[in-house]
Amino acid sequence: MIGNNHYSKRDTVKDIPVVSIIGRQNVGKSTLFNAIIKQRKAIVDEQPGLTRDVVSYFVNYNEATFIINDTPGLDLNANSTLSEEIKQMALQHLHSTDVFVLLLEKPDIASYDFELVELIRKFNKPYIVAINKIDTNNDMECLSNFYELAQEFLPISALNRRNIDLLLHTIVESLPHKRKKIIEIDCKIALVGRPNSGKSTLLNAFLGYQRAVVSDIPGTTRDSIDEIFRFQGKNIMIIDTAGIRRQSRIDNSIEYYAIVRAREAIQKSDVVIHLLDGTSGITETDKKIADIIMEAHKPTILAINKWDSIPKDHTTFESFKDRMIFKYYRAADFPIISISALHKLRIHKLLLTALDVNNRAHHKTETSAINVIIENIQKKHAMPLLGGDLKIYYATQTNISPPVIRLFVNKPELFRKDVYRFLEKTLQDELNWQGIPVVFEVSGRK
């Protein structure tokens, strides 16, 4: 269970001001967010209402640190899917905002812009009005249309980065305090799985409050959401990702880019928690996701979610594991934990395991210890032989997380898939590397 003694978000980001970009749908909030952080983090598309969750990022500018939020457009149709949940989530973040950037767009004020100004004024916090899509000098002619709403505003082009530095300077001048704070992240954990496997529910469970919109509708999460909290003295970054479908079921560019962001989250993580829906078991899509994680060589934990919904006795978990390994043999390489994100069952154990896997993945083993293992393998003639006499003369670990083992051998061409697999399993067992893929580099004898 979550307890204040273990989890703390407030301590990690204490005293860091929050800046929120607010505006109607499709005025360019996500484009501006990406321009400010100089990354393509938020998904951008012409389709209105694309952003559903609040996307955050730490910005350091002119010796000041702040958190920038990209928020959903609040002018959602009341009858649209998830509209009320999205609005409530956005409003929750606005309450913790120190400076607002109200983003409007040329050529004129829209009626809802007045409602947004009234909303911001209720918070009694500084706000900056920025007019977006002023891409050329000719576009400046329409600026007089905005004096009815504000006497001071900044013309910008988020797409072309016009006046972005001026906007950042104005933001920094409006902050309640200006100091640089570097947060060292001890472990980055990506939550990955099929749509509706419970990733956003697990993120909310870790944080102890409703951070991401949760729905039974598959594909609710689109952007990858990063959040930092403190657990047992360490700063943990959790990355909630969009559900990954089979390639044949990707319907549009939005879903495609959501999956691209999920793959990027896997690449930047230290540990991946692969969430599986316990009510449906491991599917072909789950196996494909596991292969994506394996291609990235990331330490991995398999979390069987919705365990509270499964009828069970004392044999259920072991039987479930056996069936999963039978369907996907690589599952035997990883810690497997049954959880309920909804009821916070064993999520404390899940975090402890993630930290343990990360620590072990960063351990470098003495060359002598690796060579003793290799020597014993060869003495026992246990290694698969594929039509030739295979010899390993020397082995050494050249990198960590994942461990990279360089082998000096007589015939590199004999090192095929089953030989690598045998060596990986042996090293995982002997060196306590469960959950950690091993990468091999093979060189012929010089």
Protein backbone atom coordinates (compact mmCIF):
# COMPACT_ATOMS: atom_id res chain seq x y z
CA MET A 1 0.00 0.00 0.00
CA ILE A 2 1.09 3.58 -0.59
CA GLY A 3 2.12 5.40 2.55
CA ASN A 4 3.57 8.84 3.17
CA ASN A 5 6.70 7.24 4.61
CA HIS A 6 7.57 5.73 1.24
CA TYR A 7 6.25 7.94 -1.57
CA SER A 8 6.59 11.69 -1.94
CA LYS A 9 6.13 13.76 -5.07
CA ARG A 10 6.11 17.10 -3.24
CA ASP A 11 9.64 16.76 -1.82
CA THR A 12 11.13 16.02 -5.23
CA VAL A 13 9.79 19.09 -7.06
CA LYS A 14 9.59 21.34 -4.01
CA ASP A 15 10.05 25.04 -4.78
CA ILE A 16 10.10 24.51 -8.56
CA PRO A 17 7.61 26.94 -10.16
CA VAL A 18 5.00 25.61 -12.57
CA VAL A 19 4.13 27.30 -15.88
CA SER A 20 1.01 26.14 -17.76
CA ILE A 21 0.16 26.80 -21.39
CA ILE A 22 -3.60 27.29 -21.64
CA GLY A 23 -5.80 27.96 -24.65
CA ARG A 24 -8.50 26.71 -26.96
CA GLN A 25 -8.14 23.54 -28.98
CA ASN A 26 -5.78 23.72 -31.94
CA VAL A 27 -4.22 27.12 -31.18
CA GLY A 28 -0.79 25.47 -31.10
CA LYS A 29 -0.22 24.68 -27.41
CA SER A 30 1.60 21.40 -28.07
CA THR A 31 3.68 23.01 -30.82
CA LEU A 32 4.67 25.78 -28.39
CA PHE A 33 5.45 23.23 -25.67
CA ASN A 34 7.76 21.35 -28.07
CA ALA A 35 9.40 24.63 -29.15
CA ILE A 36 10.13 25.59 -25.55
CA ILE A 37 11.64 22.23 -24.59
CA LYS A 38 13.33 21.81 -28.01
CA GLN A 39 12.00 18.29 -28.38
CA ARG A 40 9.07 16.66 -30.15
CA LYS A 41 7.56 15.32 -26.94
CA ALA A 42 3.90 16.32 -27.25
CA ILE A 43 2.06 14.85 -30.25
CA VAL A 44 1.02 17.54 -32.73
CA ASP A 45 -1.75 17.14 -35.30
CA GLU A 46 -4.42 19.30 -36.93
CA GLN A 47 -7.14 17.22 -35.27
CA PRO A 48 -8.73 19.25 -32.42
CA GLY A 49 -8.68 17.81 -28.91
CA LEU A 50 -5.63 15.65 -29.49
CA THR A 51 -4.03 16.37 -26.09
CA ARG A 52 -5.88 14.54 -23.29
CA ASP A 53 -3.41 14.45 -20.41
CA VAL A 54 -1.24 17.26 -19.09
CA VAL A 55 2.30 16.77 -20.43
CA SER A 56 5.13 18.21 -18.29
CA TYR A 57 8.83 18.92 -18.69
CA PHE A 58 11.63 20.52 -16.65
CA VAL A 59 13.08 23.64 -18.28
CA ASN A 60 16.34 25.40 -17.36
CA TYR A 61 16.60 28.90 -18.84
CA ASN A 62 18.80 31.82 -17.78
CA GLU A 63 19.71 30.26 -14.44
CA ALA A 64 16.05 29.55 -13.62
CA THR A 65 14.30 26.18 -13.43
CA PHE A 66 10.57 25.68 -13.95
CA ILE A 67 8.11 22.98 -15.00
CA ILE A 68 6.24 23.66 -18.24
CA ASN A 69 2.80 22.07 -18.71
CA ASP A 70 1.02 21.45 -22.00
CA THR A 71 -2.69 21.32 -21.16
CA PRO A 72 -5.70 20.08 -23.13
CA GLY A 73 -7.93 22.64 -24.81
CA LEU A 74 -10.77 23.40 -22.40
CA ASP A 75 -13.33 24.26 -25.08
CA LEU A 76 -14.29 20.62 -25.41
CA ASN A 77 -17.71 19.60 -26.63
CA ALA A 78 -19.63 18.49 -23.53
CA ASN A 79 -20.77 15.39 -25.40
CA SER A 80 -17.33 14.40 -26.66
CA THR A 81 -15.54 11.31 -25.37
CA LEU A 82 -13.87 11.83 -21.96
CA SER A 83 -14.56 15.61 -22.06
CA GLU A 84 -15.44 15.93 -18.36
CA GLU A 85 -12.51 13.76 -17.20
CA ILE A 86 -10.07 15.74 -19.37
CA LYS A 87 -11.37 19.10 -18.10
CA GLN A 88 -11.18 18.07 -14.45
CA MET A 89 -7.63 16.77 -14.87
CA ALA A 90 -6.53 20.01 -16.57
CA LEU A 91 -8.19 22.20 -13.92
CA GLN A 92 -6.44 20.22 -11.19
CA HIS A 93 -3.08 21.17 -12.70
CA LEU A 94 -4.09 24.80 -13.14
CA HIS A 95 -4.57 25.10 -9.38
CA SER A 96 -0.86 24.34 -8.87
CA THR A 97 0.27 26.78 -11.59
CA ASP A 98 2.45 29.80 -10.75
CA VAL A 99 2.49 31.48 -14.19
CA PHE A 100 0.02 31.06 -17.06
CA VAL A 101 0.74 31.43 -20.76
CA LEU A 102 -2.59 32.16 -22.44
CA LEU A 103 -2.15 31.20 -26.08
CA LEU A 104 -4.40 32.84 -28.68
CA GLU A 105 -4.17 32.62 -32.46
CA LYS A 106 -4.48 35.01 -35.36
CA PRO A 107 -6.46 36.60 -36.85
CA ASP A 108 -8.86 37.54 -34.02
CA ILE A 109 -10.25 36.86 -30.55
CA ALA A 110 -12.67 33.95 -30.22
CA SER A 111 -15.57 34.16 -27.75
CA TYR A 112 -14.12 31.37 -25.58
CA ASP A 113 -10.89 33.36 -25.15
CA PHE A 114 -12.78 35.76 -22.86
CA GLU A 115 -13.86 32.82 -20.70
CA LEU A 116 -10.25 31.66 -20.45
CA VAL A 117 -9.10 35.10 -19.31
CA GLU A 118 -11.78 35.13 -16.61
CA LEU A 119 -10.72 31.65 -15.51
CA ILE A 120 -7.05 32.65 -15.23
CA ARG A 121 -7.82 35.86 -13.33
CA LYS A 122 -9.60 33.83 -10.64
CA PHE A 123 -6.28 32.20 -9.73
CA ASN A 124 -4.72 35.62 -9.05
CA LYS A 125 -1.42 34.55 -10.63
CA PRO A 126 0.73 36.25 -13.30
CA TYR A 127 -0.22 35.49 -16.88
CA ILE A 128 1.30 36.19 -20.27
CA VAL A 129 -0.82 36.55 -23.39
CA ALA A 130 0.85 35.19 -26.52
CA ILE A 131 -0.62 35.46 -30.02
CA ASN A 132 0.43 32.42 -32.04
CA LYS A 133 0.82 31.80 -35.76
CA ILE A 134 2.36 35.23 -36.43
CA ASP A 135 4.64 33.61 -38.97
CA THR A 136 5.45 36.67 -41.13
CA ASN A 137 5.59 40.46 -40.75
CA ASN A 138 2.33 40.71 -42.69
CA ASP A 139 0.62 38.72 -39.93
CA MET A 140 1.42 41.55 -37.50
CA GLU A 141 -1.38 43.62 -39.05
CA CYS A 142 -4.02 41.63 -37.18
CA LEU A 143 -2.56 42.31 -33.70
CA SER A 144 -4.80 45.34 -33.12
CA ASN A 145 -7.73 42.90 -32.97
CA PHE A 146 -6.45 41.60 -29.60
CA TYR A 147 -6.32 44.87 -27.62
CA GLU A 148 -9.89 44.28 -26.46
CA LEU A 149 -8.62 41.29 -24.48
CA ALA A 150 -5.20 42.45 -23.32
CA GLN A 151 -3.11 45.62 -23.42
CA GLU A 152 0.16 43.67 -23.51
CA PHE A 153 0.86 40.53 -25.50
CA LEU A 154 3.65 38.77 -27.35
CA PRO A 155 3.35 37.89 -31.05
CA ILE A 156 4.96 34.49 -31.59
CA SER A 157 5.22 31.63 -34.05
CA ALA A 158 5.56 28.35 -32.21
CA LEU A 159 6.08 26.51 -35.49
CA ASN A 160 8.91 28.76 -36.64
CA ARG A 161 10.24 29.52 -33.12
CA ARG A 162 9.65 33.23 -33.62
CA ASN A 163 10.04 35.18 -30.34
CA ILE A 164 10.29 31.97 -28.30
CA ASP A 165 13.36 33.29 -26.46
CA LEU A 166 11.50 36.51 -25.70
CA LEU A 167 8.59 34.47 -24.33
CA LEU A 168 10.96 32.41 -22.17
CA HIS A 169 12.58 35.59 -20.85
CA THR A 170 9.14 36.97 -19.96
CA ILE A 171 8.19 33.70 -18.24
CA VAL A 172 11.36 33.77 -16.13
CA GLU A 173 10.73 37.39 -15.15
CA SER A 174 7.23 36.39 -13.99
CA LEU A 175 8.31 33.43 -11.83
CA PRO A 176 7.80 33.78 -8.06
CA HIS A 177 11.48 32.96 -7.58
CA LYS A 178 14.41 32.32 -9.89
CA ARG A 179 16.91 29.64 -9.06
CA LYS A 180 18.42 26.75 -10.92
CA LYS A 181 17.68 23.29 -9.56
CA ILE A 182 19.00 20.12 -11.13
CA ILE A 183 17.08 16.98 -10.17
CA GLU A 184 19.16 13.84 -10.44
CA ILE A 185 17.00 10.90 -11.51
CA ASP A 186 18.04 7.62 -9.89
CA CYS A 187 15.82 5.36 -11.96
CA LYS A 188 13.61 5.89 -15.03
CA ILE A 189 10.78 3.36 -15.29
CA ALA A 190 8.65 3.02 -18.44
CA LEU A 191 5.16 1.54 -18.16
CA VAL A 192 4.45 -0.38 -21.37
CA GLY A 193 1.66 -2.65 -22.51
CA ARG A 194 -1.40 -3.15 -24.66
CA PRO A 195 -4.23 -0.57 -24.60
CA ASN A 196 -6.31 -0.88 -21.44
CA SER A 197 -3.79 -3.00 -19.55
CA GLY A 198 -3.85 -0.49 -16.67
CA LYS A 199 -0.75 1.66 -17.24
CA SER A 200 -2.36 5.00 -16.34
CA THR A 201 -4.07 3.44 -13.31
CA LEU A 202 -0.67 2.19 -12.16
CA LEU A 203 0.88 5.65 -12.68
CA ASN A 204 -1.88 7.17 -10.53
CA ALA A 205 -1.35 4.48 -7.89
CA PHE A 206 2.38 5.22 -7.70
CA LEU A 207 1.78 8.97 -7.34
CA GLY A 208 -1.14 8.69 -4.95
CA TYR A 209 -3.41 11.02 -6.94
CA GLN A 210 -5.19 11.20 -10.29
CA ARG A 211 -2.44 12.27 -12.70
CA ALA A 212 -3.57 10.60 -15.92
CA VAL A 213 -7.02 10.25 -17.45
CA VAL A 214 -8.23 6.67 -16.94
CA SER A 215 -10.99 5.12 -19.02
CA ASP A 216 -12.19 1.75 -20.27
CA ILE A 217 -11.85 3.17 -23.78
CA PRO A 218 -8.68 1.70 -25.37
CA GLY A 219 -6.19 4.31 -26.53
CA THR A 220 -7.11 6.95 -23.93
CA THR A 221 -3.44 7.83 -23.33
CA ARG A 222 -1.70 9.34 -26.36
CA ASP A 223 1.28 11.34 -25.12
CA SER A 224 3.94 9.79 -22.92
CA ILE A 225 3.58 11.25 -19.44
CA ASP A 226 6.66 11.72 -17.24
CA GLU A 227 6.28 12.17 -13.49
CA ILE A 228 8.92 12.24 -10.75
CA PHE A 229 8.40 11.16 -7.17
CA ARG A 230 10.58 10.12 -4.26
CA PHE A 231 10.68 6.53 -3.04
CA GLN A 232 12.97 5.28 -0.28
CA GLY A 233 15.36 8.18 -0.71
CA LYS A 234 15.57 7.93 -4.50
CA ASN A 235 14.13 10.10 -7.29
CA ILE A 236 12.04 7.89 -9.57
CA MET A 237 10.75 8.98 -12.96
CA ILE A 238 7.70 7.05 -14.16
CA ILE A 239 6.86 7.25 -17.88
CA ASP A 240 3.30 6.27 -18.77
CA THR A 241 3.00 5.39 -22.46
CA ALA A 242 0.28 4.88 -25.02
CA GLY A 243 -0.90 1.31 -25.46
CA ILE A 244 0.89 -0.55 -28.24
CA ARG A 245 -1.25 -2.38 -30.78
CA ARG A 246 -0.35 -4.74 -33.57
CA GLN A 247 0.87 -2.87 -36.66
CA SER A 248 -2.16 -3.99 -38.67
CA ARG A 249 -4.50 -2.32 -36.16
CA ILE A 250 -2.89 1.14 -36.20
CA ASP A 251 -5.64 3.26 -37.72
CA ASN A 252 -4.19 6.75 -38.08
CA SER A 253 -1.17 9.01 -37.76
CA ILE A 254 -2.06 10.00 -34.18
CA GLU A 255 -1.92 6.39 -33.03
CA TYR A 256 1.27 5.84 -35.01
CA TYR A 257 3.05 8.77 -33.31
CA ALA A 258 1.75 7.67 -29.91
CA ILE A 259 3.45 4.32 -30.46
CA VAL A 260 6.63 6.07 -31.66
CA ARG A 261 6.63 7.97 -28.33
CA ALA A 262 6.15 4.68 -26.47
CA ARG A 263 9.19 3.21 -28.22
CA GLU A 264 11.20 6.34 -27.36
CA ALA A 265 10.14 5.96 -23.72
CA ILE A 266 11.47 2.41 -23.71
CA GLN A 267 14.78 3.61 -25.12
CA LYS A 268 15.28 6.32 -22.48
CA SER A 269 14.20 4.15 -19.52
CA ASP A 270 16.43 2.24 -17.11
CA VAL A 271 13.78 -0.40 -16.39
CA VAL A 272 10.60 -1.39 -18.24
CA ILE A 273 7.51 -2.62 -16.42
CA HIS A 274 5.59 -4.61 -19.02
CA LEU A 275 1.97 -4.67 -17.90
CA LEU A 276 -0.17 -7.62 -18.94
CA ASP A 277 -3.91 -7.96 -18.43
CA GLY A 278 -4.29 -10.97 -16.14
CA THR A 279 -7.86 -11.54 -17.28
CA SER A 280 -6.76 -12.30 -20.83
CA GLY A 281 -3.28 -13.75 -20.27
CA ILE A 282 -0.37 -13.19 -22.62
CA THR A 283 -1.45 -12.42 -26.19
CA GLU A 284 0.37 -12.22 -29.52
CA THR A 285 0.50 -8.43 -29.11
CA ASP A 286 2.08 -8.85 -25.66
CA LYS A 287 4.74 -11.05 -27.22
CA LYS A 288 5.40 -8.44 -29.87
CA ILE A 289 5.75 -5.76 -27.17
CA ALA A 290 8.16 -8.01 -25.27
CA ASP A 291 10.22 -8.36 -28.45
CA ILE A 292 10.36 -4.55 -28.79
CA ILE A 293 11.65 -4.31 -25.21
CA MET A 294 14.20 -7.06 -25.89
CA GLU A 295 15.44 -5.27 -29.00
CA ALA A 296 16.16 -2.27 -26.76
CA HIS A 297 18.02 -4.56 -24.29
CA LYS A 298 16.17 -3.11 -21.29
CA PRO A 299 15.92 -4.70 -17.84
CA THR A 300 12.30 -5.79 -17.53
CA ILE A 301 9.66 -6.81 -15.01
CA LEU A 302 6.44 -8.54 -16.06
CA ALA A 303 3.51 -7.23 -14.01
CA ILE A 304 0.29 -9.23 -14.23
CA ASN A 305 -2.38 -6.60 -13.62
CA LYS A 306 -6.04 -7.00 -12.59
CA TRP A 307 -5.11 -9.93 -10.35
CA ASP A 308 -8.04 -8.99 -8.12
CA SER A 309 -10.42 -9.97 -10.96
CA ILE A 310 -9.13 -13.53 -11.28
CA PRO A 311 -10.67 -16.45 -9.32
CA LYS A 312 -7.72 -18.10 -7.61
CA ASP A 313 -6.37 -20.57 -5.11
CA HIS A 314 -2.84 -21.36 -3.90
CA THR A 315 -1.87 -22.81 -7.33
CA THR A 316 -3.20 -20.00 -9.57
CA PHE A 317 -0.10 -17.83 -9.78
CA GLU A 318 2.33 -20.67 -10.55
CA SER A 319 -0.07 -22.11 -13.13
CA PHE A 320 -0.41 -18.67 -14.74
CA LYS A 321 3.39 -18.31 -14.89
CA ASP A 322 3.80 -21.77 -16.41
CA ARG A 323 1.24 -21.03 -19.14
CA MET A 324 2.87 -17.68 -19.87
CA ILE A 325 6.35 -19.20 -20.18
CA PHE A 326 4.96 -21.99 -22.38
CA LYS A 327 3.53 -19.34 -24.75
CA TYR A 328 6.58 -17.05 -24.55
CA TYR A 329 9.77 -18.73 -23.38
CA ARG A 330 11.61 -15.44 -22.71
CA ALA A 331 9.16 -14.74 -19.86
CA ALA A 332 11.24 -17.13 -17.75
CA ASP A 333 14.07 -14.55 -17.82
CA PHE A 334 12.17 -11.89 -15.88
CA PRO A 335 10.69 -11.28 -12.44
CA ILE A 336 6.92 -11.86 -12.64
CA ILE A 337 4.69 -10.08 -10.12
CA SER A 338 0.90 -10.23 -9.85
CA ILE A 339 -0.61 -6.82 -9.01
CA SER A 340 -3.79 -4.79 -8.93
CA ALA A 341 -3.09 -1.19 -9.93
CA LEU A 342 -6.68 -0.27 -9.05
CA HIS A 343 -6.40 -1.58 -5.47
CA LYS A 344 -2.65 -0.86 -5.10
CA LEU A 345 -1.90 -4.55 -4.53
CA ARG A 346 1.85 -5.30 -4.50
CA ILE A 347 2.81 -2.03 -6.21
CA HIS A 348 5.28 -1.39 -3.37
CA LYS A 349 6.92 -4.74 -4.19
CA LEU A 350 6.89 -3.77 -7.87
CA LEU A 351 8.87 -0.58 -7.20
CA LEU A 352 11.32 -2.39 -4.92
CA THR A 353 11.90 -4.96 -7.66
CA ALA A 354 12.42 -2.25 -10.28
CA LEU A 355 15.08 -0.58 -8.12
CA ASP A 356 16.72 -3.93 -7.44
CA VAL A 357 16.84 -4.84 -11.14
CA ASN A 358 18.27 -1.41 -11.96
CA ASN A 359 20.97 -1.74 -9.28
CA ARG A 360 21.98 -5.18 -10.50
CA ALA A 361 22.04 -4.01 -14.13
CA HIS A 362 24.55 -1.29 -13.16
CA HIS A 363 26.91 -3.71 -11.44
CA LYS A 364 30.14 -4.55 -13.25
CA THR A 365 31.45 -8.07 -12.71
CA GLU A 366 35.15 -8.81 -12.34
CA THR A 367 36.72 -10.27 -15.47
CA SER A 368 38.13 -13.19 -13.48
CA ALA A 369 34.64 -14.18 -12.25
CA ILE A 370 33.25 -14.18 -15.80
CA ASN A 371 36.13 -16.30 -17.07
CA VAL A 372 35.67 -18.87 -14.29
CA ILE A 373 32.05 -19.32 -15.47
CA ILE A 374 33.14 -19.63 -19.10
CA GLU A 375 35.87 -22.10 -18.18
CA ASN A 376 33.39 -24.29 -16.26
CA ILE A 377 31.00 -24.27 -19.21
CA GLN A 378 33.72 -25.47 -21.55
CA LYS A 379 34.98 -28.13 -19.13
CA LYS A 380 31.49 -29.59 -18.90
CA HIS A 381 31.07 -29.48 -22.71
CA ALA A 382 27.65 -27.97 -22.05
CA MET A 383 27.63 -25.41 -24.84
CA PRO A 384 25.67 -26.20 -28.03
CA LEU A 385 27.98 -27.17 -30.91
CA LEU A 386 26.84 -26.46 -34.42
CA GLY A 387 29.13 -28.39 -36.71
CA GLY A 388 32.44 -27.25 -35.32
CA ASP A 389 34.79 -27.01 -32.38
CA LEU A 390 33.88 -23.78 -30.59
CA LYS A 391 36.30 -22.28 -28.07
CA ILE A 392 36.11 -19.15 -25.93
CA TYR A 393 39.59 -17.96 -24.99
CA TYR A 394 38.68 -14.93 -22.92
CA ALA A 395 35.66 -12.90 -21.78
CA THR A 396 35.27 -9.48 -20.19
CA GLN A 397 32.42 -7.10 -19.35
CA THR A 398 32.79 -3.83 -21.26
CA ASN A 399 29.57 -2.03 -20.29
CA ILE A 400 26.64 -1.99 -17.87
CA SER A 401 22.85 -1.67 -18.10
CA PRO A 402 22.66 -3.79 -20.10
CA PRO A 403 25.81 -5.80 -19.40
CA VAL A 404 27.91 -6.14 -22.53
CA ILE A 405 30.21 -9.18 -22.64
CA ARG A 406 33.06 -9.26 -25.14
CA LEU A 407 34.13 -12.77 -26.11
CA PHE A 408 37.39 -13.65 -27.83
CA VAL A 409 36.86 -16.92 -29.68
CA ASN A 410 38.33 -19.22 -32.29
CA LYS A 411 35.46 -19.14 -34.81
CA PRO A 412 33.00 -16.22 -34.55
CA GLU A 413 30.81 -17.73 -37.28
CA LEU A 414 29.85 -20.58 -34.92
CA PHE A 415 28.23 -18.21 -32.44
CA ARG A 416 24.64 -18.54 -33.51
CA LYS A 417 21.34 -17.83 -31.77
CA ASP A 418 21.22 -20.91 -29.53
CA VAL A 419 24.82 -20.39 -28.36
CA TYR A 420 24.07 -16.78 -27.38
CA ARG A 421 20.89 -17.91 -25.66
CA PHE A 422 22.72 -20.60 -23.70
CA LEU A 423 25.44 -18.20 -22.56
CA GLU A 424 22.90 -15.52 -21.62
CA LYS A 425 20.86 -17.92 -19.46
CA THR A 426 24.00 -19.24 -17.80
CA LEU A 427 25.31 -15.77 -16.96
CA GLN A 428 21.88 -14.65 -15.73
CA ASP A 429 21.77 -17.62 -13.35
CA GLU A 430 25.37 -17.37 -12.17
CA LEU A 431 25.60 -13.57 -11.81
CA ASN A 432 22.12 -12.79 -10.48
CA TRP A 433 21.11 -11.05 -13.68
CA GLN A 434 17.47 -12.18 -13.75
CA GLY A 435 15.42 -9.63 -15.66
CA ILE A 436 18.52 -8.20 -17.35
CA PRO A 437 19.27 -8.93 -21.02
CA VAL A 438 22.90 -9.65 -21.86
CA VAL A 439 24.56 -8.27 -25.01
CA PHE A 440 27.47 -10.17 -26.57
CA GLU A 441 30.26 -8.88 -28.78
CA VAL A 442 32.30 -11.60 -30.42
CA SER A 443 35.83 -11.17 -31.76
CA GLY A 444 38.09 -13.69 -33.46
CA ARG A 445 41.47 -14.39 -31.97
CA LYS A 446 43.89 -11.64 -32.95
